[in-house]
């Protein structure tokens, strides 16, 4: 299994079993791990190894969750985060965001991406903290006026991670 990026972790899903781990607890813990790999907080890798989840009907498959947690413990212990693929502004602009009737305002997102792309090309001083704290207005259902929220958030995760690696 390849290493997981913070964005991969945030969007991770698992098969369900008749009796399995509480999905809410698992998802909440995965968000903590994603933040740790993104450098937003410190997490003792032993905590990943020893975490316990409640068993619930129609929960996540324990074997699948445990396998991912084993990989993530190794990643956190060794500080392994896969590359983002955002080496230049061109790489950022090449990521196509799906449009949506509701979602983040396209004009705001496009302006931010233009500024971030220039920054990746050495023209600007954007920081990972600025990316993490960025907020966009949402659209009210007008056809095609927004970008899908999850896709934009995933792109912001990658951009934040890239800037953090660059020491910004």
Protein backbone atom coordinates (compact mmCIF):
# COMPACT_ATOMS: atom_id res chain seq x y z
CA UNK A 1 0.00 0.00 0.00
CA UNK A 2 1.46 3.40 -0.91
CA UNK A 3 1.89 6.08 1.73
CA UNK A 4 -1.13 8.30 2.37
CA UNK A 5 -1.14 12.08 2.15
CA UNK A 6 -3.16 14.14 4.62
CA UNK A 7 -5.78 14.66 1.88
CA UNK A 8 -5.96 10.90 1.25
CA UNK A 9 -6.48 10.28 4.94
CA UNK A 10 -9.28 12.84 5.20
CA UNK A 11 -11.19 11.16 2.37
CA UNK A 12 -10.50 7.54 3.42
CA UNK A 13 -13.48 5.18 3.47
CA UNK A 14 -13.76 1.56 4.60
CA UNK A 15 -15.94 -1.44 3.92
CA UNK A 16 -18.67 -2.05 6.44
CA UNK A 17 -19.24 -5.21 8.45
CA UNK A 18 -22.22 -6.50 10.38
CA UNK A 19 -20.25 -5.59 13.52
CA UNK A 20 -17.33 -3.17 13.23
CA UNK A 21 -15.60 -0.04 14.45
CA UNK A 22 -17.66 3.07 15.09
CA UNK A 23 -17.30 5.12 11.86
CA UNK A 24 -17.58 8.44 13.70
CA UNK A 25 -14.75 7.58 16.08
CA UNK A 26 -12.55 6.25 13.26
CA UNK A 27 -13.16 9.29 11.05
CA UNK A 28 -12.44 11.68 13.91
CA UNK A 29 -9.16 9.92 14.71
CA UNK A 30 -8.14 9.90 11.04
CA UNK A 31 -8.57 13.70 10.96
CA UNK A 32 -6.15 13.95 13.89
CA UNK A 33 -3.61 11.78 12.08
CA UNK A 34 -4.00 13.84 8.90
CA UNK A 35 -3.34 17.03 10.87
CA UNK A 36 -0.28 15.42 12.45
CA UNK A 37 1.16 14.43 9.07
CA UNK A 38 0.41 17.90 7.73
CA UNK A 39 2.46 19.35 10.58
CA UNK A 40 -0.46 21.06 12.31
CA UNK A 41 -0.08 19.14 15.57
CA UNK A 42 2.11 16.57 17.29
CA UNK A 43 0.90 13.02 17.71
CA UNK A 44 2.71 10.23 19.52
CA UNK A 45 2.78 7.26 17.11
CA UNK A 46 2.17 4.91 20.05
CA UNK A 47 -1.25 6.52 20.40
CA UNK A 48 -2.11 5.28 16.89
CA UNK A 49 -1.02 1.76 17.84
CA UNK A 50 -3.05 1.70 21.04
CA UNK A 51 -6.25 3.50 19.99
CA UNK A 52 -9.48 1.60 20.58
CA UNK A 53 -12.86 2.13 18.93
CA UNK A 54 -16.33 1.09 20.04
CA UNK A 55 -17.91 -1.84 18.20
CA UNK A 56 -21.21 -0.98 16.53
CA UNK A 57 -23.60 -2.65 14.08
CA UNK A 58 -22.74 -1.84 10.43
CA UNK A 59 -19.38 -0.40 11.47
CA UNK A 60 -16.09 -0.18 9.60
CA UNK A 61 -14.28 -3.45 8.88
CA UNK A 62 -11.76 -3.75 11.76
CA UNK A 63 -9.13 -5.52 9.63
CA UNK A 64 -9.18 -2.76 7.01
CA UNK A 65 -9.01 0.02 9.60
CA UNK A 66 -6.22 -1.72 11.53
CA UNK A 67 -4.20 -2.16 8.33
CA UNK A 68 -4.43 1.53 7.51
CA UNK A 69 -3.62 2.51 11.09
CA UNK A 70 -0.53 0.29 11.01
CA UNK A 71 0.71 2.12 7.89
CA UNK A 72 -0.13 5.51 9.40
CA UNK A 73 1.70 4.68 12.63
CA UNK A 74 4.80 3.95 10.54
CA UNK A 75 4.36 7.20 8.59
CA UNK A 76 3.94 9.33 11.71
CA UNK A 77 6.83 7.61 13.51
CA UNK A 78 9.15 8.25 10.55
CA UNK A 79 7.72 11.59 9.37
CA UNK A 80 6.83 10.20 5.95
CA UNK A 81 4.46 12.30 3.87
CA UNK A 82 4.24 11.62 0.13
CA UNK A 83 4.97 14.48 -2.28
CA UNK A 84 2.08 16.72 -3.24
CA UNK A 85 2.91 17.02 -6.92
CA UNK A 86 2.67 20.81 -6.63
CA UNK A 87 6.16 21.69 -7.78
CA UNK A 88 5.14 24.78 -9.74
CA UNK A 89 2.27 27.14 -10.40
CA UNK A 90 1.56 25.19 -13.57
CA UNK A 91 1.01 22.04 -11.49
CA UNK A 92 -1.48 23.92 -9.33
CA UNK A 93 -3.36 25.42 -12.28
CA UNK A 94 -3.50 21.98 -13.93
CA UNK A 95 -5.66 20.60 -11.12
CA UNK A 96 -9.19 20.86 -12.44
CA UNK A 97 -11.82 21.52 -9.82
CA UNK A 98 -15.30 20.07 -10.39
CA UNK A 99 -18.05 22.65 -10.65
CA UNK A 100 -21.12 22.53 -8.50
CA UNK A 101 -24.36 24.44 -8.09
CA UNK A 102 -23.51 24.88 -4.45
CA UNK A 103 -19.99 25.09 -3.11
CA UNK A 104 -17.17 27.58 -2.88
CA UNK A 105 -17.46 30.75 -4.93
CA UNK A 106 -15.54 30.15 -8.17
CA UNK A 107 -14.27 33.71 -8.56
CA UNK A 108 -12.78 33.72 -5.05
CA UNK A 109 -11.19 30.29 -5.51
CA UNK A 110 -9.80 31.20 -8.95
CA UNK A 111 -8.24 34.41 -7.59
CA UNK A 112 -6.68 32.51 -4.69
CA UNK A 113 -5.30 29.82 -7.00
CA UNK A 114 -3.77 32.47 -9.28
CA UNK A 115 -2.02 34.04 -6.29
CA UNK A 116 -0.91 30.64 -4.94
CA UNK A 117 0.42 29.60 -8.36
CA UNK A 118 2.52 32.76 -8.56
CA UNK A 119 3.79 32.00 -5.07
CA UNK A 120 4.84 28.46 -6.05
CA UNK A 121 6.78 30.04 -8.92
CA UNK A 122 8.68 32.28 -6.49
CA UNK A 123 6.55 35.42 -6.86
CA UNK A 124 4.88 35.96 -3.51
CA UNK A 125 5.07 35.25 0.18
CA UNK A 126 2.08 33.00 0.89
CA UNK A 127 2.49 30.79 3.96
CA UNK A 128 1.07 27.42 4.94
CA UNK A 129 -0.76 29.13 7.81
CA UNK A 130 -2.41 31.54 5.38
CA UNK A 131 -3.60 28.60 3.27
CA UNK A 132 -4.91 26.76 6.35
CA UNK A 133 -6.86 29.86 7.44
CA UNK A 134 -8.30 30.65 4.01
CA UNK A 135 -12.09 30.78 3.82
CA UNK A 136 -14.29 31.17 0.76
CA UNK A 137 -17.88 32.32 0.37
CA UNK A 138 -20.35 29.67 -0.69
CA UNK A 139 -22.79 29.83 -3.56
CA UNK A 140 -26.52 29.57 -3.10
CA UNK A 141 -27.33 26.96 -5.71
CA UNK A 142 -26.87 28.96 -8.91
CA UNK A 143 -25.94 26.45 -11.60
CA UNK A 144 -22.21 26.20 -12.11
CA UNK A 145 -21.30 29.12 -9.85
CA UNK A 146 -19.35 27.08 -7.34
CA UNK A 147 -16.62 24.48 -6.96
CA UNK A 148 -17.15 21.28 -4.99
CA UNK A 149 -16.10 21.95 -1.41
CA UNK A 150 -14.26 18.66 -0.84
CA UNK A 151 -12.20 19.06 -4.04
CA UNK A 152 -11.13 22.59 -3.07
CA UNK A 153 -10.34 21.51 0.49
CA UNK A 154 -8.18 18.65 -0.83
CA UNK A 155 -6.30 21.09 -3.06
CA UNK A 156 -5.78 23.45 -0.10
CA UNK A 157 -4.44 20.53 1.97
CA UNK A 158 -1.88 19.77 -0.73
CA UNK A 159 -0.92 23.42 -1.12
CA UNK A 160 -0.51 23.85 2.64
CA UNK A 161 1.63 20.72 2.80
CA UNK A 162 3.82 21.90 -0.10
CA UNK A 163 4.40 25.31 1.48
CA UNK A 164 5.19 23.69 4.83
CA UNK A 165 7.82 21.53 3.11
CA UNK A 166 9.26 24.65 1.56
CA UNK A 167 9.60 26.16 5.01
CA UNK A 168 6.83 28.70 4.62
